[in-house]
C-alpha atoms as a PDB file:
ATOM      1  CA  MET A   1      32.003  18.897  85.910  1.00  0.00           C
ATOM      2  CA  CYS A   2      31.656  15.139  84.247  1.00  0.00           C
ATOM      3  CA  VAL A   3      34.197  14.309  82.100  1.00  0.00           C
ATOM      4  CA  LYS A   4      34.451  10.501  79.984  1.00  0.00           C
ATOM      5  CA  GLN A   5      37.000   8.493  81.050  1.00  0.00           C
ATOM      6  CA  ILE A   6      39.124   6.540  78.773  1.00  0.00           C
ATOM      7  CA  SER A   7      40.886   2.670  80.423  1.00  0.00           C
ATOM      8  CA  ILE A   8      43.528   0.815  78.933  1.00  0.00           C
ATOM      9  CA  ILE A   9      45.529  -2.336  80.768  1.00  0.00           C
ATOM     10  CA  LEU A  10      48.260  -3.113  78.896  1.00  0.00           C
ATOM     11  CA  GLU A  11      51.281  -5.564  79.403  1.00  0.00           C
ATOM     12  CA  ASN A  12      53.880  -3.545  81.582  1.00  0.00           C
ATOM     13  CA  VAL A  13      56.674  -3.569  78.801  1.00  0.00           C
ATOM     14  CA  PRO A  14      58.778  -1.526  77.220  1.00  0.00           C
ATOM     15  CA  GLY A  15      56.852   0.108  73.967  1.00  0.00           C
ATOM     16  CA  LYS A  16      53.319  -0.296  74.600  1.00  0.00           C
ATOM     17  CA  PHE A  17      52.153   3.323  75.966  1.00  0.00           C
ATOM     18  CA  LEU A  18      54.743   4.280  73.347  1.00  0.00           C
ATOM     19  CA  ALA A  19      51.864   2.466  70.641  1.00  0.00           C
ATOM     20  CA  VAL A  20      49.021   3.881  72.406  1.00  0.00           C
ATOM     21  CA  SER A  21      50.566   7.449  72.019  1.00  0.00           C
ATOM     22  CA  GLU A  22      51.390   6.804  68.474  1.00  0.00           C
ATOM     23  CA  CYS A  23      48.568   5.343  67.751  1.00  0.00           C
ATOM     24  CA  LEU A  24      46.479   8.232  68.994  1.00  0.00           C
ATOM     25  CA  GLY A  25      49.007  10.983  67.972  1.00  0.00           C
ATOM     26  CA  ARG A  26      48.799   9.706  64.568  1.00  0.00           C
ATOM     27  CA  GLU A  27      44.949  10.376  64.594  1.00  0.00           C
ATOM     28  CA  GLY A  28      45.304  13.799  65.874  1.00  0.00           C
ATOM     29  CA  ILE A  29      44.172  13.785  69.561  1.00  0.00           C
ATOM     30  CA  ASN A  30      45.474  15.237  72.653  1.00  0.00           C
ATOM     31  CA  ILE A  31      46.106  13.005  75.553  1.00  0.00           C
ATOM     32  CA  ARG A  32      44.424  16.415  78.576  1.00  0.00           C
ATOM     33  CA  ALA A  33      44.799  13.760  81.340  1.00  0.00           C
ATOM     34  CA  ILE A  34      46.681  10.738  82.118  1.00  0.00           C
ATOM     35  CA  SER A  35      47.120   8.885  84.290  1.00  0.00           C
ATOM     36  CA  VAL A  36      49.222   5.563  85.038  1.00  0.00           C
ATOM     37  CA  ALA A  37      49.166   2.892  87.937  1.00  0.00           C
ATOM     38  CA  ASP A  38      51.202  -0.681  87.764  1.00  0.00           C
ATOM     39  CA  THR A  39      51.939  -3.624  89.279  1.00  0.00           C
ATOM     40  CA  SER A  40      55.057  -6.243  88.096  1.00  0.00           C
ATOM     41  CA  ASP A  41      52.376  -7.425  84.620  1.00  0.00           C
ATOM     42  CA  ILE A  42      50.208  -4.479  83.874  1.00  0.00           C
ATOM     43  CA  SER A  43      49.735  -1.172  83.994  1.00  0.00           C
ATOM     44  CA  THR A  44      46.717   0.469  83.808  1.00  0.00           C
ATOM     45  CA  VAL A  45      46.419   3.834  81.898  1.00  0.00           C
ATOM     46  CA  ARG A  46      43.413   6.628  82.279  1.00  0.00           C
ATOM     47  CA  LEU A  47      43.039   9.177  79.909  1.00  0.00           C
ATOM     48  CA  VAL A  48      40.572  12.219  79.713  1.00  0.00           C
ATOM     49  CA  THR A  49      41.552  13.047  75.755  1.00  0.00           C
ATOM     50  CA  ASP A  50      39.671  16.365  73.115  1.00  0.00           C
ATOM     51  CA  SER A  51      37.987  13.828  71.503  1.00  0.00           C
ATOM     52  CA  PRO A  52      37.164  11.015  74.119  1.00  0.00           C
ATOM     53  CA  GLU A  53      34.681   9.420  71.605  1.00  0.00           C
ATOM     54  CA  LYS A  54      37.054   9.680  68.914  1.00  0.00           C
ATOM     55  CA  THR A  55      39.767   7.527  70.944  1.00  0.00           C
ATOM     56  CA  ILE A  56      37.364   5.086  72.246  1.00  0.00           C
ATOM     57  CA  ASN A  57      36.988   4.423  68.196  1.00  0.00           C
ATOM     58  CA  VAL A  58      40.399   4.824  67.191  1.00  0.00           C
ATOM     59  CA  LEU A  59      41.141   2.808  70.525  1.00  0.00           C
ATOM     60  CA  LYS A  60      38.965   0.212  69.592  1.00  0.00           C
ATOM     61  CA  SER A  61      39.755   0.055  66.078  1.00  0.00           C
ATOM     62  CA  GLY A  62      44.094  -0.369  67.395  1.00  0.00           C
ATOM     63  CA  GLY A  63      42.645  -3.960  68.891  1.00  0.00           C
ATOM     64  CA  TYR A  64      42.625  -2.434  72.293  1.00  0.00           C
ATOM     65  CA  THR A  65      40.174  -2.997  74.923  1.00  0.00           C
ATOM     66  CA  ILE A  66      38.574  -0.531  76.762  1.00  0.00           C
ATOM     67  CA  ILE A  67      36.643   1.218  80.086  1.00  0.00           C
ATOM     68  CA  GLU A  68      35.351   4.019  80.158  1.00  0.00           C
ATOM     69  CA  ALA A  69      34.466   5.779  83.244  1.00  0.00           C
ATOM     70  CA  ASP A  70      32.718   9.091  83.932  1.00  0.00           C
ATOM     71  CA  VAL A  71      34.967  11.201  86.219  1.00  0.00           C
ATOM     72  CA  ILE A  72      34.629  14.783  86.872  1.00  0.00           C
ATOM     73  CA  ALA A  73      37.216  17.509  86.439  1.00  0.00           C
ATOM     74  CA  VAL A  74      37.162  20.041  89.276  1.00  0.00           C
ATOM     75  CA  GLU A  75      39.287  23.213  88.783  1.00  0.00           C
ATOM     76  CA  ILE A  76      40.703  24.975  92.369  1.00  0.00           C
ATOM     77  CA  PRO A  77      43.070  27.675  93.754  1.00  0.00           C
ATOM     78  CA  ASP A  78      46.659  27.161  94.125  1.00  0.00           C
ATOM     79  CA  HIS A  79      47.809  27.006  97.560  1.00  0.00           C
ATOM     80  CA  PRO A  80      48.305  25.330 100.658  1.00  0.00           C
ATOM     81  CA  GLY A  81      45.728  22.935 101.226  1.00  0.00           C
ATOM     82  CA  ALA A  82      42.894  23.513  98.238  1.00  0.00           C
ATOM     83  CA  LEU A  83      42.341  19.881  98.014  1.00  0.00           C
ATOM     84  CA  GLN A  84      40.371  20.119 100.685  1.00  0.00           C
ATOM     85  CA  ALA A  85      38.110  21.969  99.585  1.00  0.00           C
ATOM     86  CA  VAL A  86      37.218  19.300  97.217  1.00  0.00           C
ATOM     87  CA  LEU A  87      37.869  16.647  99.705  1.00  0.00           C
ATOM     88  CA  LYS A  88      36.455  17.967 102.889  1.00  0.00           C
ATOM     89  CA  PRO A  89      32.883  18.521 100.745  1.00  0.00           C
ATOM     90  CA  LEU A  90      33.842  14.278  99.268  1.00  0.00           C
ATOM     91  CA  ARG A  91      33.598  12.778 102.782  1.00  0.00           C
ATOM     92  CA  GLU A  92      30.312  14.737 103.703  1.00  0.00           C
ATOM     93  CA  ALA A  93      28.171  13.571 100.600  1.00  0.00           C
ATOM     94  CA  HIS A  94      30.040   9.809 101.261  1.00  0.00           C
ATOM     95  CA  VAL A  95      31.545  10.206  98.442  1.00  0.00           C
ATOM     96  CA  ASN A  96      34.366   7.855  97.654  1.00  0.00           C
ATOM     97  CA  VAL A  97      37.723   9.133  95.927  1.00  0.00           C
ATOM     98  CA  HIS A  98      38.751   6.183  94.116  1.00  0.00           C
ATOM     99  CA  TYR A  99      41.790   8.043  92.423  1.00  0.00           C
ATOM    100  CA  PHE A 100      42.453  11.733  91.889  1.00  0.00           C
ATOM    101  CA  TYR A 101      45.056  13.011  89.240  1.00  0.00           C
ATOM    102  CA  THR A 102      46.013  16.361  87.840  1.00  0.00           C
ATOM    103  CA  TYR A 103      45.331  17.425  83.868  1.00  0.00           C
ATOM    104  CA  LEU A 104      47.560  19.060  81.878  1.00  0.00           C
ATOM    105  CA  GLY A 105      46.869  22.273  81.576  1.00  0.00           C
ATOM    106  CA  ARG A 106      45.058  25.114  83.410  1.00  0.00           C
ATOM    107  CA  GLY A 107      41.074  25.935  84.440  1.00  0.00           C
ATOM    108  CA  GLU A 108      39.719  29.670  82.586  1.00  0.00           C
ATOM    109  CA  SER A 109      40.670  31.520  85.701  1.00  0.00           C
ATOM    110  CA  GLY A 110      44.358  30.209  85.502  1.00  0.00           C
ATOM    111  CA  GLN A 111      43.960  27.569  87.815  1.00  0.00           C
ATOM    112  CA  PRO A 112      45.056  23.847  87.827  1.00  0.00           C
ATOM    113  CA  ILE A 113      42.412  21.232  87.593  1.00  0.00           C
ATOM    114  CA  VAL A 114      42.288  17.709  89.399  1.00  0.00           C
ATOM    115  CA  ILE A 115      39.996  14.538  87.924  1.00  0.00           C
ATOM    116  CA  ILE A 116      38.518  12.793  90.544  1.00  0.00           C
ATOM    117  CA  GLY A 117      36.946   8.898  89.965  1.00  0.00           C
ATOM    118  CA  VAL A 118      34.245   8.718  92.542  1.00  0.00           C
ATOM    119  CA  ASP A 119      32.191   5.880  93.674  1.00  0.00           C
ATOM    120  CA  LYS A 120      29.224   8.246  93.815  1.00  0.00           C
ATOM    121  CA  THR A 121      29.877  10.689  90.163  1.00  0.00           C
ATOM    122  CA  LYS A 122      26.380  12.281  91.403  1.00  0.00           C
ATOM    123  CA  GLU A 123      25.821  12.750  94.098  1.00  0.00           C
ATOM    124  CA  ALA A 124      29.799  14.035  94.512  1.00  0.00           C
ATOM    125  CA  ILE A 125      29.004  16.829  91.508  1.00  0.00           C
ATOM    126  CA  GLU A 126      26.378  18.274  94.100  1.00  0.00           C
ATOM    127  CA  ALA A 127      27.745  17.858  97.026  1.00  0.00           C
ATOM    128  CA  LEU A 128      30.887  19.771  95.035  1.00  0.00           C
ATOM    129  CA  ARG A 129      28.594  22.173  93.170  1.00  0.00           C
ATOM    130  CA  LYS A 130      26.696  23.282  97.143  1.00  0.00           C
ATOM    131  CA  ASN A 131      30.405  23.580  98.564  1.00  0.00           C
ATOM    132  CA  TRP A 132      31.988  24.654  95.945  1.00  0.00           C
ATOM    133  CA  VAL A 133      29.635  28.600  94.946  1.00  0.00           C
ATOM    134  CA  HIS A 134      29.928  29.123  98.849  1.00  0.00           C
ATOM    135  CA  THR A 135      33.895  28.527  98.905  1.00  0.00           C
ATOM    136  CA  PHE A 136      35.567  30.160  95.513  1.00  0.00           C
ATOM    137  CA  GLY A 137      32.397  31.740  94.200  1.00  0.00           C
ATOM    138  CA  ASN A 138      33.320  29.726  90.940  1.00  0.00           C
ATOM    139  CA  GLU A 139      31.584  26.845  89.372  1.00  0.00           C
ATOM    140  CA  ILE A 140      33.199  23.275  88.665  1.00  0.00           C
ATOM    141  CA  TYR A 141      34.591  23.561  85.758  1.00  0.00           C
ATOM    142  CA  ALA A 142      33.999  21.987  82.871  1.00  0.00           C
ATOM    143  CA  LEU A 143      36.523  20.373  80.203  1.00  0.00           C
END
């Protein structure tokens, strides 16, 4: 299912990420998934929170420039090779996976959840729904 991801660019210096965490924590916002990619000068922080609109407002009020994107949250089985059940249908639908990271928690069935950023969100959701029901007998998990 499609969920809102909020990304921010931070200087790659001590304390910058702590400031973001403190800003969100003061407002009672819970980070449910996070990915941090760094270079020597900057870090890109991708977040999925329990309150995306509030997160956007809080970060903007804190002076951060944010980037919003729709990403896909998918519950997957917890066994070797399980990612193939997600990646093969995406390849067959000619959907490119830009990035992939885990959700901090588990889905309703107790299985892990992954967050996927793709080039064609609508087509990816259709491909996963079509193959997911056939392969696992359940739907794409919605946060």
